[in-house]
Amino acid sequence: MRKNILIITDLEGISGVSTIEEVQPEYKNYQRTLEYLMDDTNAAINGAFLGGATDVFVVDGHCTGINFIEGALDKRAIQVPASEFSTNPPDKYDALITIGCHPMAGTTNGFLDHTQSASQWFEYKVGGKAYGEIGQQAITLGAYNIPLVMVSGDLLACKEARELVPTVATATVKTGICRNKAECIPHIEALKLIENAACDGVQRMDEIIC
């Protein structure tokens, strides 16, 4: 059975990042932030293959989609440019994994909570219900019968995902103390959680309803 897995990444919810400054390109150690991004992404890729993935496709989904360190992505994965992904039907994918997620705008103590743009958006609603970026992706891919099977991010991002898809696998890598500050679990531990959750989500993908 084919299991083509799509991974979409963000930056705010990756492991090791605990302050707002660390996701800003002018931050003096921003390269380390991008290294955390690659670590989390590769952990999810490995977990997906352990779970039986046939192929793994990855979209750099943060901002303009130019955050990946050249040559650092697991060689088994296929990177899909964000511009290409946004214009092509996703019918070649069978399940969705989202890495580095943050909660929707207005989530109290959600680390860097926002929906699209913190300065320009507050609520995004479908059928009168508010959704964040996790929900947007789940709705968009769900329209093609592609289930959201795994999410990593802070505590409240993972909670948001489970409220949307109760059986989704999650990896909580940090807990927000306030909007701009979080307490991270040890990086090695976070990577193992991500790998295990990705494996679990892919193994159970047929049981997870869009």
C-alpha atoms as a PDB file:
ATOM      1  CA  MET A   1       0.000   0.000   0.000  1.00  0.00           C
ATOM      2  CA  ARG A   2       1.290   3.452  -0.937  1.00  0.00           C
ATOM      3  CA  LYS A   3       2.072   5.815   1.932  1.00  0.00           C
ATOM      4  CA  ASN A   4       3.243   9.129   0.520  1.00  0.00           C
ATOM      5  CA  ILE A   5       3.679  11.457   3.478  1.00  0.00           C
ATOM      6  CA  LEU A   6       3.686  15.251   3.290  1.00  0.00           C
ATOM      7  CA  ILE A   7       5.526  17.204   5.999  1.00  0.00           C
ATOM      8  CA  ILE A   8       4.909  20.948   6.319  1.00  0.00           C
ATOM      9  CA  THR A   9       7.212  22.825   8.685  1.00  0.00           C
ATOM     10  CA  ASP A  10       6.927  26.044  10.639  1.00  0.00           C
ATOM     11  CA  LEU A  11       9.475  27.702  12.905  1.00  0.00           C
ATOM     12  CA  GLU A  12       7.872  29.001  16.096  1.00  0.00           C
ATOM     13  CA  GLY A  13       7.050  25.562  17.503  1.00  0.00           C
ATOM     14  CA  ILE A  14      10.323  23.763  16.888  1.00  0.00           C
ATOM     15  CA  SER A  15      12.289  22.327  19.783  1.00  0.00           C
ATOM     16  CA  GLY A  16      15.006  24.365  21.459  1.00  0.00           C
ATOM     17  CA  VAL A  17      13.422  27.749  20.703  1.00  0.00           C
ATOM     18  CA  SER A  18      12.183  29.463  23.856  1.00  0.00           C
ATOM     19  CA  THR A  19      12.071  33.215  23.114  1.00  0.00           C
ATOM     20  CA  ILE A  20      10.594  35.431  20.424  1.00  0.00           C
ATOM     21  CA  GLU A  21      14.055  36.737  19.515  1.00  0.00           C
ATOM     22  CA  GLU A  22      15.163  33.286  18.362  1.00  0.00           C
ATOM     23  CA  VAL A  23      12.741  33.220  15.413  1.00  0.00           C
ATOM     24  CA  GLN A  24      13.839  36.618  14.105  1.00  0.00           C
ATOM     25  CA  PRO A  25      16.469  36.557  11.314  1.00  0.00           C
ATOM     26  CA  GLU A  26      18.468  39.358  12.930  1.00  0.00           C
ATOM     27  CA  TYR A  27      18.984  37.252  16.071  1.00  0.00           C
ATOM     28  CA  LYS A  28      22.710  36.668  16.582  1.00  0.00           C
ATOM     29  CA  ASN A  29      22.306  32.892  16.893  1.00  0.00           C
ATOM     30  CA  TYR A  30      19.606  32.529  14.222  1.00  0.00           C
ATOM     31  CA  GLN A  31      21.651  29.854  12.472  1.00  0.00           C
ATOM     32  CA  ARG A  32      21.198  27.662  15.532  1.00  0.00           C
ATOM     33  CA  THR A  33      17.438  28.163  15.249  1.00  0.00           C
ATOM     34  CA  LEU A  34      17.595  26.878  11.686  1.00  0.00           C
ATOM     35  CA  GLU A  35      19.687  23.917  12.864  1.00  0.00           C
ATOM     36  CA  TYR A  36      16.907  23.067  15.345  1.00  0.00           C
ATOM     37  CA  LEU A  37      14.443  23.273  12.456  1.00  0.00           C
ATOM     38  CA  MET A  38      16.469  20.789  10.433  1.00  0.00           C
ATOM     39  CA  ASP A  39      16.850  18.472  13.432  1.00  0.00           C
ATOM     40  CA  ASP A  40      13.089  18.389  14.059  1.00  0.00           C
ATOM     41  CA  THR A  41      12.299  17.955  10.374  1.00  0.00           C
ATOM     42  CA  ASN A  42      14.746  15.095   9.958  1.00  0.00           C
ATOM     43  CA  ALA A  43      13.428  13.395  13.097  1.00  0.00           C
ATOM     44  CA  ALA A  44       9.939  13.503  11.591  1.00  0.00           C
ATOM     45  CA  ILE A  45      11.226  12.180   8.259  1.00  0.00           C
ATOM     46  CA  ASN A  46      12.960   9.264   9.966  1.00  0.00           C
ATOM     47  CA  GLY A  47       9.871   8.530  12.033  1.00  0.00           C
ATOM     48  CA  ALA A  48       7.690   8.551   8.933  1.00  0.00           C
ATOM     49  CA  PHE A  49       9.929   6.020   7.217  1.00  0.00           C
ATOM     50  CA  LEU A  50       9.990   3.876  10.363  1.00  0.00           C
ATOM     51  CA  GLY A  51       6.194   3.971  10.242  1.00  0.00           C
ATOM     52  CA  GLY A  52       6.155   2.578   6.722  1.00  0.00           C
ATOM     53  CA  ALA A  53       6.253   5.663   4.498  1.00  0.00           C
ATOM     54  CA  THR A  54       6.832   4.978   0.822  1.00  0.00           C
ATOM     55  CA  ASP A  55       8.022   8.512   0.065  1.00  0.00           C
ATOM     56  CA  VAL A  56       8.285  11.640   2.200  1.00  0.00           C
ATOM     57  CA  PHE A  57       7.763  15.104   0.721  1.00  0.00           C
ATOM     58  CA  VAL A  58       8.716  18.214   2.707  1.00  0.00           C
ATOM     59  CA  VAL A  59       7.564  21.831   2.381  1.00  0.00           C
ATOM     60  CA  ASP A  60       9.438  24.633   4.157  1.00  0.00           C
ATOM     61  CA  GLY A  61       6.300  26.370   5.316  1.00  0.00           C
ATOM     62  CA  HIS A  62       7.618  29.278   7.370  1.00  0.00           C
ATOM     63  CA  CYS A  63       7.331  32.760   5.907  1.00  0.00           C
ATOM     64  CA  THR A  64       8.875  32.786   2.406  1.00  0.00           C
ATOM     65  CA  GLY A  65       9.988  29.155   2.537  1.00  0.00           C
ATOM     66  CA  ILE A  66      13.744  29.758   2.473  1.00  0.00           C
ATOM     67  CA  ASN A  67      14.639  28.515   5.949  1.00  0.00           C
ATOM     68  CA  PHE A  68      16.156  25.100   5.285  1.00  0.00           C
ATOM     69  CA  ILE A  69      19.929  24.825   5.525  1.00  0.00           C
ATOM     70  CA  GLU A  70      21.285  23.701   2.173  1.00  0.00           C
ATOM     71  CA  GLY A  71      22.324  20.064   2.249  1.00  0.00           C
ATOM     72  CA  ALA A  72      20.930  19.434   5.753  1.00  0.00           C
ATOM     73  CA  LEU A  73      17.630  17.774   4.804  1.00  0.00           C
ATOM     74  CA  ASP A  74      17.516  13.985   5.087  1.00  0.00           C
ATOM     75  CA  LYS A  75      18.526  12.762   1.612  1.00  0.00           C
ATOM     76  CA  ARG A  76      15.639  10.302   1.500  1.00  0.00           C
ATOM     77  CA  ALA A  77      13.096  13.135   1.529  1.00  0.00           C
ATOM     78  CA  ILE A  78      11.918  15.143  -1.465  1.00  0.00           C
ATOM     79  CA  GLN A  79      11.704  18.892  -0.896  1.00  0.00           C
ATOM     80  CA  VAL A  80       8.742  20.579  -2.566  1.00  0.00           C
ATOM     81  CA  PRO A  81       9.147  24.348  -3.045  1.00  0.00           C
ATOM     82  CA  ALA A  82       6.452  26.296  -1.221  1.00  0.00           C
ATOM     83  CA  SER A  83       5.478  28.066  -4.455  1.00  0.00           C
ATOM     84  CA  GLU A  84       4.994  24.756  -6.251  1.00  0.00           C
ATOM     85  CA  PHE A  85       3.010  23.229  -3.396  1.00  0.00           C
ATOM     86  CA  SER A  86       0.607  26.172  -3.215  1.00  0.00           C
ATOM     87  CA  THR A  87      -0.342  25.904  -6.884  1.00  0.00           C
ATOM     88  CA  ASN A  88      -0.538  22.119  -7.400  1.00  0.00           C
ATOM     89  CA  PRO A  89      -3.330  19.782  -6.220  1.00  0.00           C
ATOM     90  CA  PRO A  90      -2.017  17.605  -3.378  1.00  0.00           C
ATOM     91  CA  ASP A  91      -3.438  14.352  -4.739  1.00  0.00           C
ATOM     92  CA  LYS A  92      -0.085  12.548  -4.616  1.00  0.00           C
ATOM     93  CA  TYR A  93      -0.034  12.688  -0.796  1.00  0.00           C
ATOM     94  CA  ASP A  94      -1.716  10.226   1.562  1.00  0.00           C
ATOM     95  CA  ALA A  95      -1.187  11.842   4.981  1.00  0.00           C
ATOM     96  CA  LEU A  96      -0.027  15.132   6.506  1.00  0.00           C
ATOM     97  CA  ILE A  97       2.506  15.799   9.266  1.00  0.00           C
ATOM     98  CA  THR A  98       3.076  19.327  10.574  1.00  0.00           C
ATOM     99  CA  ILE A  99       6.274  20.199  12.432  1.00  0.00           C
ATOM    100  CA  GLY A 100       7.033  23.266  14.579  1.00  0.00           C
ATOM    101  CA  CYS A 101       3.449  24.385  15.092  1.00  0.00           C
ATOM    102  CA  HIS A 102       2.191  27.277  17.211  1.00  0.00           C
ATOM    103  CA  PRO A 103      -1.320  27.886  18.597  1.00  0.00           C
ATOM    104  CA  MET A 104      -3.927  30.072  16.942  1.00  0.00           C
ATOM    105  CA  ALA A 105      -4.188  33.768  17.687  1.00  0.00           C
ATOM    106  CA  GLY A 106      -5.708  34.549  21.064  1.00  0.00           C
ATOM    107  CA  THR A 107      -4.480  31.397  22.836  1.00  0.00           C
ATOM    108  CA  THR A 108      -3.495  32.464  26.348  1.00  0.00           C
ATOM    109  CA  ASN A 109       0.097  31.408  27.137  1.00  0.00           C
ATOM    110  CA  GLY A 110       0.445  29.829  23.722  1.00  0.00           C
ATOM    111  CA  PHE A 111       4.037  30.393  22.636  1.00  0.00           C
ATOM    112  CA  LEU A 112       4.034  32.983  19.811  1.00  0.00           C
ATOM    113  CA  ASP A 113       0.333  32.418  19.170  1.00  0.00           C
ATOM    114  CA  HIS A 114      -0.850  33.923  15.886  1.00  0.00           C
ATOM    115  CA  THR A 115      -2.759  33.111  12.741  1.00  0.00           C
ATOM    116  CA  GLN A 116      -0.819  34.034   9.612  1.00  0.00           C
ATOM    117  CA  SER A 117       0.216  37.538  10.727  1.00  0.00           C
ATOM    118  CA  ALA A 118       0.119  38.692  14.337  1.00  0.00           C
ATOM    119  CA  SER A 119      -0.067  42.319  13.211  1.00  0.00           C
ATOM    120  CA  GLN A 120      -2.760  41.906  10.552  1.00  0.00           C
ATOM    121  CA  TRP A 121      -4.960  38.928  11.467  1.00  0.00           C
ATOM    122  CA  PHE A 122      -6.781  37.893  14.602  1.00  0.00           C
ATOM    123  CA  GLU A 123      -9.498  35.380  13.739  1.00  0.00           C
ATOM    124  CA  TYR A 124      -9.812  33.026  10.802  1.00  0.00           C
ATOM    125  CA  LYS A 125     -13.221  31.355  10.759  1.00  0.00           C
ATOM    126  CA  VAL A 126     -14.782  28.559   8.768  1.00  0.00           C
ATOM    127  CA  GLY A 127     -18.481  27.995   9.349  1.00  0.00           C
ATOM    128  CA  GLY A 128     -18.347  30.374  12.292  1.00  0.00           C
ATOM    129  CA  LYS A 129     -15.578  28.446  14.082  1.00  0.00           C
ATOM    130  CA  ALA A 130     -12.114  29.918  14.622  1.00  0.00           C
ATOM    131  CA  TYR A 131      -9.117  27.985  13.309  1.00  0.00           C
ATOM    132  CA  GLY A 132      -5.383  28.563  13.401  1.00  0.00           C
ATOM    133  CA  GLU A 133      -2.786  27.456  10.919  1.00  0.00           C
ATOM    134  CA  ILE A 134      -3.035  23.837  12.071  1.00  0.00           C
ATOM    135  CA  GLY A 135      -6.731  23.917  11.261  1.00  0.00           C
ATOM    136  CA  GLN A 136      -6.190  25.647   7.940  1.00  0.00           C
ATOM    137  CA  GLN A 137      -3.834  22.918   6.798  1.00  0.00           C
ATOM    138  CA  ALA A 138      -6.063  20.137   8.114  1.00  0.00           C
ATOM    139  CA  ILE A 139      -9.101  21.594   6.325  1.00  0.00           C
ATOM    140  CA  THR A 140      -7.258  22.169   3.059  1.00  0.00           C
ATOM    141  CA  LEU A 141      -5.694  18.716   2.898  1.00  0.00           C
ATOM    142  CA  GLY A 142      -8.783  17.085   4.396  1.00  0.00           C
ATOM    143  CA  ALA A 143     -10.750  18.268   1.363  1.00  0.00           C
ATOM    144  CA  TYR A 144      -8.602  15.769  -0.582  1.00  0.00           C
ATOM    145  CA  ASN A 145      -9.123  13.032   2.044  1.00  0.00           C
ATOM    146  CA  ILE A 146      -5.594  13.514   3.366  1.00  0.00           C
ATOM    147  CA  PRO A 147      -5.627  13.134   7.169  1.00  0.00           C
ATOM    148  CA  LEU A 148      -3.522  15.128   9.619  1.00  0.00           C
ATOM    149  CA  VAL A 149      -1.681  12.312  11.392  1.00  0.00           C
ATOM    150  CA  MET A 150       1.013  14.040  13.459  1.00  0.00           C
ATOM    151  CA  VAL A 151       1.788  17.470  14.921  1.00  0.00           C
ATOM    152  CA  SER A 152       4.747  18.802  16.897  1.00  0.00           C
ATOM    153  CA  GLY A 153       4.891  22.096  18.733  1.00  0.00           C
ATOM    154  CA  ASP A 154       4.202  23.653  22.092  1.00  0.00           C
ATOM    155  CA  LEU A 155       1.715  22.227  24.603  1.00  0.00           C
ATOM    156  CA  LEU A 156      -1.237  24.312  23.428  1.00  0.00           C
ATOM    157  CA  ALA A 157      -0.561  23.790  19.728  1.00  0.00           C
ATOM    158  CA  CYS A 158      -0.711  20.039  20.329  1.00  0.00           C
ATOM    159  CA  LYS A 159      -3.882  20.462  22.377  1.00  0.00           C
ATOM    160  CA  GLU A 160      -5.399  22.473  19.512  1.00  0.00           C
ATOM    161  CA  ALA A 161      -4.524  19.685  17.089  1.00  0.00           C
ATOM    162  CA  ARG A 162      -6.136  16.999  19.263  1.00  0.00           C
ATOM    163  CA  GLU A 163      -9.311  19.058  19.628  1.00  0.00           C
ATOM    164  CA  LEU A 164      -9.483  19.156  15.855  1.00  0.00           C
ATOM    165  CA  VAL A 165      -8.392  15.556  15.207  1.00  0.00           C
ATOM    166  CA  PRO A 166      -8.723  13.578  18.465  1.00  0.00           C
ATOM    167  CA  THR A 167      -6.600  10.626  17.324  1.00  0.00           C
ATOM    168  CA  VAL A 168      -3.713  12.651  15.859  1.00  0.00           C
ATOM    169  CA  ALA A 169      -0.239  11.781  17.176  1.00  0.00           C
ATOM    170  CA  THR A 170       1.477  14.703  18.907  1.00  0.00           C
ATOM    171  CA  ALA A 171       4.924  15.631  20.188  1.00  0.00           C
ATOM    172  CA  THR A 172       4.942  18.406  22.798  1.00  0.00           C
ATOM    173  CA  VAL A 173       8.445  19.902  22.778  1.00  0.00           C
ATOM    174  CA  LYS A 174       7.850  22.914  25.036  1.00  0.00           C
ATOM    175  CA  THR A 175       5.338  24.744  27.207  1.00  0.00           C
ATOM    176  CA  GLY A 176       4.543  28.424  26.908  1.00  0.00           C
ATOM    177  CA  ILE A 177       5.153  30.496  30.030  1.00  0.00           C
ATOM    178  CA  CYS A 178       3.745  33.573  28.325  1.00  0.00           C
ATOM    179  CA  ARG A 179       3.378  34.534  24.675  1.00  0.00           C
ATOM    180  CA  ASN A 180       7.051  35.326  24.126  1.00  0.00           C
ATOM    181  CA  LYS A 181       8.683  32.797  26.440  1.00  0.00           C
ATOM    182  CA  ALA A 182       8.601  29.006  26.679  1.00  0.00           C
ATOM    183  CA  GLU A 183      10.218  26.227  28.656  1.00  0.00           C
ATOM    184  CA  CYS A 184      11.731  23.609  26.333  1.00  0.00           C
ATOM    185  CA  ILE A 185      12.320  19.959  27.070  1.00  0.00           C
ATOM    186  CA  PRO A 186      15.862  18.661  26.358  1.00  0.00           C
ATOM    187  CA  HIS A 187      16.564  18.716  22.631  1.00  0.00           C
ATOM    188  CA  ILE A 188      17.507  15.043  22.321  1.00  0.00           C
ATOM    189  CA  GLU A 189      14.334  14.071  24.154  1.00  0.00           C
ATOM    190  CA  ALA A 190      12.279  16.298  21.853  1.00  0.00           C
ATOM    191  CA  LEU A 191      13.731  14.679  18.743  1.00  0.00           C
ATOM    192  CA  LYS A 192      12.845  11.225  20.018  1.00  0.00           C
ATOM    193  CA  LEU A 193       9.293  12.341  20.764  1.00  0.00           C
ATOM    194  CA  ILE A 194       8.966  13.728  17.244  1.00  0.00           C
ATOM    195  CA  GLU A 195      10.363  10.567  15.664  1.00  0.00           C
ATOM    196  CA  ASN A 196       8.076   8.322  17.728  1.00  0.00           C
ATOM    197  CA  ALA A 197       4.980  10.426  17.069  1.00  0.00           C
ATOM    198  CA  ALA A 198       5.663  10.561  13.323  1.00  0.00           C
ATOM    199  CA  CYS A 199       6.108   6.797  13.250  1.00  0.00           C
ATOM    200  CA  ASP A 200       2.884   6.299  15.216  1.00  0.00           C
ATOM    201  CA  GLY A 201       0.885   8.691  13.042  1.00  0.00           C
ATOM    202  CA  VAL A 202       1.999   7.051   9.810  1.00  0.00           C
ATOM    203  CA  GLN A 203       1.338   3.560  11.171  1.00  0.00           C
ATOM    204  CA  ARG A 204      -2.203   4.575  12.172  1.00  0.00           C
ATOM    205  CA  MET A 205      -2.969   6.851   9.205  1.00  0.00           C
ATOM    206  CA  ASP A 206      -5.882   4.699   7.986  1.00  0.00           C
ATOM    207  CA  GLU A 207      -7.537   5.007  11.401  1.00  0.00           C
ATOM    208  CA  ILE A 208      -7.252   8.810  11.606  1.00  0.00           C
ATOM    209  CA  ILE A 209     -10.241  10.622  10.158  1.00  0.00           C
ATOM    210  CA  CYS A 210      -9.802  13.866   8.241  1.00  0.00           C
END
